[in-house]
Amino acid sequence: MAAGRTYLGIARELIPWAPTIDPDACIGCGDCLEMCPNNVFVLDEDEGKMKVATPDNCVVLCDKCGPLCPTEAISFPDKEETKRLLQRLLRELREKTLAAPGAGGAP
């Protein structure tokens, strides 16, 4: 994970959005690897299966690789639940920013 990576100002490590690969369903075709430009996936050559190598490289709320998987081996967290979490984290970030000294918030 890259230090200091954020999404909408939120520390990326606070956002649990990344694909999961079902190893029993994965056939190691590499379609996900070819589709994703963010180096999220890698082929485990020993097992002949795809692995999630860098989960925080996955763009938050992106799930474009999932429908491409011919065996439906890729899944993601619930998108609506993640949106609710993002709203809460953004609200907390705004409150924290407004409360900071010199930020123009309440004294």
C-alpha atoms as a PDB file:
ATOM      1  CA  MET A   1       0.000   0.000   0.000  1.00  0.00           C
ATOM      2  CA  ALA A   2       1.262   3.457  -0.852  1.00  0.00           C
ATOM      3  CA  ALA A   3       1.736   5.671   2.186  1.00  0.00           C
ATOM      4  CA  GLY A   4      -0.638   8.599   2.322  1.00  0.00           C
ATOM      5  CA  ARG A   5      -3.017   7.365  -0.385  1.00  0.00           C
ATOM      6  CA  THR A   6      -6.469   8.919  -0.069  1.00  0.00           C
ATOM      7  CA  TYR A   7      -9.870   8.800  -1.717  1.00  0.00           C
ATOM      8  CA  LEU A   8     -11.883  12.050  -1.489  1.00  0.00           C
ATOM      9  CA  GLY A   9      -9.520  13.060   1.305  1.00  0.00           C
ATOM     10  CA  ILE A  10     -10.204   9.860   3.279  1.00  0.00           C
ATOM     11  CA  ALA A  11      -7.258   7.609   4.123  1.00  0.00           C
ATOM     12  CA  ARG A  12      -7.558   4.689   1.703  1.00  0.00           C
ATOM     13  CA  GLU A  13      -6.892   2.104   4.410  1.00  0.00           C
ATOM     14  CA  LEU A  14     -10.161   3.172   6.105  1.00  0.00           C
ATOM     15  CA  ILE A  15     -12.169   2.111   3.048  1.00  0.00           C
ATOM     16  CA  PRO A  16     -12.629  -1.668   2.804  1.00  0.00           C
ATOM     17  CA  TRP A  17     -13.117  -1.813  -0.960  1.00  0.00           C
ATOM     18  CA  ALA A  18     -11.207  -4.481  -2.877  1.00  0.00           C
ATOM     19  CA  PRO A  19     -11.999  -7.595  -4.852  1.00  0.00           C
ATOM     20  CA  THR A  20     -11.986 -11.074  -3.380  1.00  0.00           C
ATOM     21  CA  ILE A  21     -11.183 -14.067  -5.551  1.00  0.00           C
ATOM     22  CA  ASP A  22     -12.762 -17.442  -4.875  1.00  0.00           C
ATOM     23  CA  PRO A  23      -9.803 -19.799  -5.388  1.00  0.00           C
ATOM     24  CA  ASP A  24     -12.123 -22.739  -6.029  1.00  0.00           C
ATOM     25  CA  ALA A  25     -13.791 -20.902  -8.913  1.00  0.00           C
ATOM     26  CA  CYS A  26     -10.747 -19.106 -10.390  1.00  0.00           C
ATOM     27  CA  ILE A  27      -9.285 -20.761 -13.486  1.00  0.00           C
ATOM     28  CA  GLY A  28      -6.324 -18.374 -13.767  1.00  0.00           C
ATOM     29  CA  CYS A  29      -7.364 -16.980 -17.146  1.00  0.00           C
ATOM     30  CA  GLY A  30      -6.008 -13.508 -16.353  1.00  0.00           C
ATOM     31  CA  ASP A  31      -8.968 -11.545 -17.727  1.00  0.00           C
ATOM     32  CA  CYS A  32      -9.022  -9.471 -14.518  1.00  0.00           C
ATOM     33  CA  LEU A  33      -5.307  -8.773 -14.805  1.00  0.00           C
ATOM     34  CA  GLU A  34      -5.688  -7.572 -18.391  1.00  0.00           C
ATOM     35  CA  MET A  35      -8.719  -5.408 -17.565  1.00  0.00           C
ATOM     36  CA  CYS A  36      -7.368  -3.664 -14.458  1.00  0.00           C
ATOM     37  CA  PRO A  37      -4.710  -0.977 -15.069  1.00  0.00           C
ATOM     38  CA  ASN A  38      -3.970  -0.599 -11.337  1.00  0.00           C
ATOM     39  CA  ASN A  39      -1.891  -3.704 -10.623  1.00  0.00           C
ATOM     40  CA  VAL A  40      -4.493  -5.119  -8.252  1.00  0.00           C
ATOM     41  CA  PHE A  41      -4.080  -8.686  -9.527  1.00  0.00           C
ATOM     42  CA  VAL A  42      -1.207 -11.076 -10.025  1.00  0.00           C
ATOM     43  CA  LEU A  43      -1.040 -14.649 -11.294  1.00  0.00           C
ATOM     44  CA  ASP A  44       0.180 -17.117  -8.688  1.00  0.00           C
ATOM     45  CA  GLU A  45       2.089 -19.334 -11.087  1.00  0.00           C
ATOM     46  CA  ASP A  46       2.507 -22.133  -8.541  1.00  0.00           C
ATOM     47  CA  GLU A  47      -1.265 -22.450  -8.068  1.00  0.00           C
ATOM     48  CA  GLY A  48      -2.327 -21.266 -11.521  1.00  0.00           C
ATOM     49  CA  LYS A  49      -4.798 -18.870  -9.897  1.00  0.00           C
ATOM     50  CA  MET A  50      -5.206 -15.132  -9.762  1.00  0.00           C
ATOM     51  CA  LYS A  51      -4.518 -13.368  -6.466  1.00  0.00           C
ATOM     52  CA  VAL A  52      -5.313  -9.903  -5.165  1.00  0.00           C
ATOM     53  CA  ALA A  53      -1.803  -8.505  -4.798  1.00  0.00           C
ATOM     54  CA  THR A  54      -2.461  -4.848  -3.932  1.00  0.00           C
ATOM     55  CA  PRO A  55      -6.049  -4.418  -2.734  1.00  0.00           C
ATOM     56  CA  ASP A  56      -5.706  -0.707  -1.935  1.00  0.00           C
ATOM     57  CA  ASN A  57      -4.841  -0.063  -5.596  1.00  0.00           C
ATOM     58  CA  CYS A  58      -8.439  -0.917  -6.456  1.00  0.00           C
ATOM     59  CA  VAL A  59     -10.367   2.250  -7.246  1.00  0.00           C
ATOM     60  CA  VAL A  60     -13.079   2.688  -4.628  1.00  0.00           C
ATOM     61  CA  LEU A  61     -16.461   1.493  -5.982  1.00  0.00           C
ATOM     62  CA  CYS A  62     -14.923   0.144  -9.208  1.00  0.00           C
ATOM     63  CA  ASP A  63     -16.078  -3.398  -9.917  1.00  0.00           C
ATOM     64  CA  LYS A  64     -15.530  -3.576 -13.683  1.00  0.00           C
ATOM     65  CA  CYS A  65     -13.415  -6.736 -13.475  1.00  0.00           C
ATOM     66  CA  GLY A  66     -16.156  -8.741 -11.748  1.00  0.00           C
ATOM     67  CA  PRO A  67     -18.497  -9.184 -14.727  1.00  0.00           C
ATOM     68  CA  LEU A  68     -15.535 -10.081 -16.961  1.00  0.00           C
ATOM     69  CA  CYS A  69     -14.662 -13.151 -14.917  1.00  0.00           C
ATOM     70  CA  PRO A  70     -15.924 -16.185 -16.861  1.00  0.00           C
ATOM     71  CA  THR A  71     -16.374 -18.216 -13.672  1.00  0.00           C
ATOM     72  CA  GLU A  72     -17.727 -15.390 -11.461  1.00  0.00           C
ATOM     73  CA  ALA A  73     -14.803 -15.896  -9.080  1.00  0.00           C
ATOM     74  CA  ILE A  74     -14.482 -12.163  -8.285  1.00  0.00           C
ATOM     75  CA  SER A  75     -16.674 -10.532  -5.683  1.00  0.00           C
ATOM     76  CA  PHE A  76     -16.726  -7.168  -3.941  1.00  0.00           C
ATOM     77  CA  PRO A  77     -18.070  -5.719  -0.698  1.00  0.00           C
ATOM     78  CA  ASP A  78     -21.632  -4.422  -0.780  1.00  0.00           C
ATOM     79  CA  LYS A  79     -21.598  -1.219  -2.843  1.00  0.00           C
ATOM     80  CA  GLU A  80     -24.456   0.501  -0.989  1.00  0.00           C
ATOM     81  CA  GLU A  81     -22.886  -0.243   2.382  1.00  0.00           C
ATOM     82  CA  THR A  82     -19.595   1.176   1.125  1.00  0.00           C
ATOM     83  CA  LYS A  83     -21.366   4.341  -0.079  1.00  0.00           C
ATOM     84  CA  ARG A  84     -22.907   4.788   3.376  1.00  0.00           C
ATOM     85  CA  LEU A  85     -19.482   4.365   4.964  1.00  0.00           C
ATOM     86  CA  LEU A  86     -18.015   6.950   2.587  1.00  0.00           C
ATOM     87  CA  GLN A  87     -20.766   9.423   3.471  1.00  0.00           C
ATOM     88  CA  ARG A  88     -20.067   8.947   7.176  1.00  0.00           C
ATOM     89  CA  LEU A  89     -16.302   9.273   6.734  1.00  0.00           C
ATOM     90  CA  LEU A  90     -16.715  12.411   4.602  1.00  0.00           C
ATOM     91  CA  ARG A  91     -19.016  13.950   7.216  1.00  0.00           C
ATOM     92  CA  GLU A  92     -16.454  13.174   9.948  1.00  0.00           C
ATOM     93  CA  LEU A  93     -13.658  14.623   7.831  1.00  0.00           C
ATOM     94  CA  ARG A  94     -15.616  17.846   7.238  1.00  0.00           C
ATOM     95  CA  GLU A  95     -16.432  18.167  10.950  1.00  0.00           C
ATOM     96  CA  LYS A  96     -12.802  17.592  11.857  1.00  0.00           C
ATOM     97  CA  THR A  97     -11.631  20.141   9.274  1.00  0.00           C
ATOM     98  CA  LEU A  98     -14.133  22.776  10.427  1.00  0.00           C
ATOM     99  CA  ALA A  99     -13.156  22.234  14.054  1.00  0.00           C
ATOM    100  CA  ALA A 100      -9.444  22.681  13.342  1.00  0.00           C
ATOM    101  CA  PRO A 101      -7.916  25.915  14.711  1.00  0.00           C
ATOM    102  CA  GLY A 102      -7.846  28.628  12.066  1.00  0.00           C
ATOM    103  CA  ALA A 103     -10.231  26.725   9.787  1.00  0.00           C
ATOM    104  CA  GLY A 104     -13.043  29.239  10.160  1.00  0.00           C
ATOM    105  CA  GLY A 105     -15.150  26.894  12.245  1.00  0.00           C
ATOM    106  CA  ALA A 106     -16.583  27.445  15.695  1.00  0.00           C
ATOM    107  CA  PRO A 107     -14.191  29.020  18.250  1.00  0.00           C
END
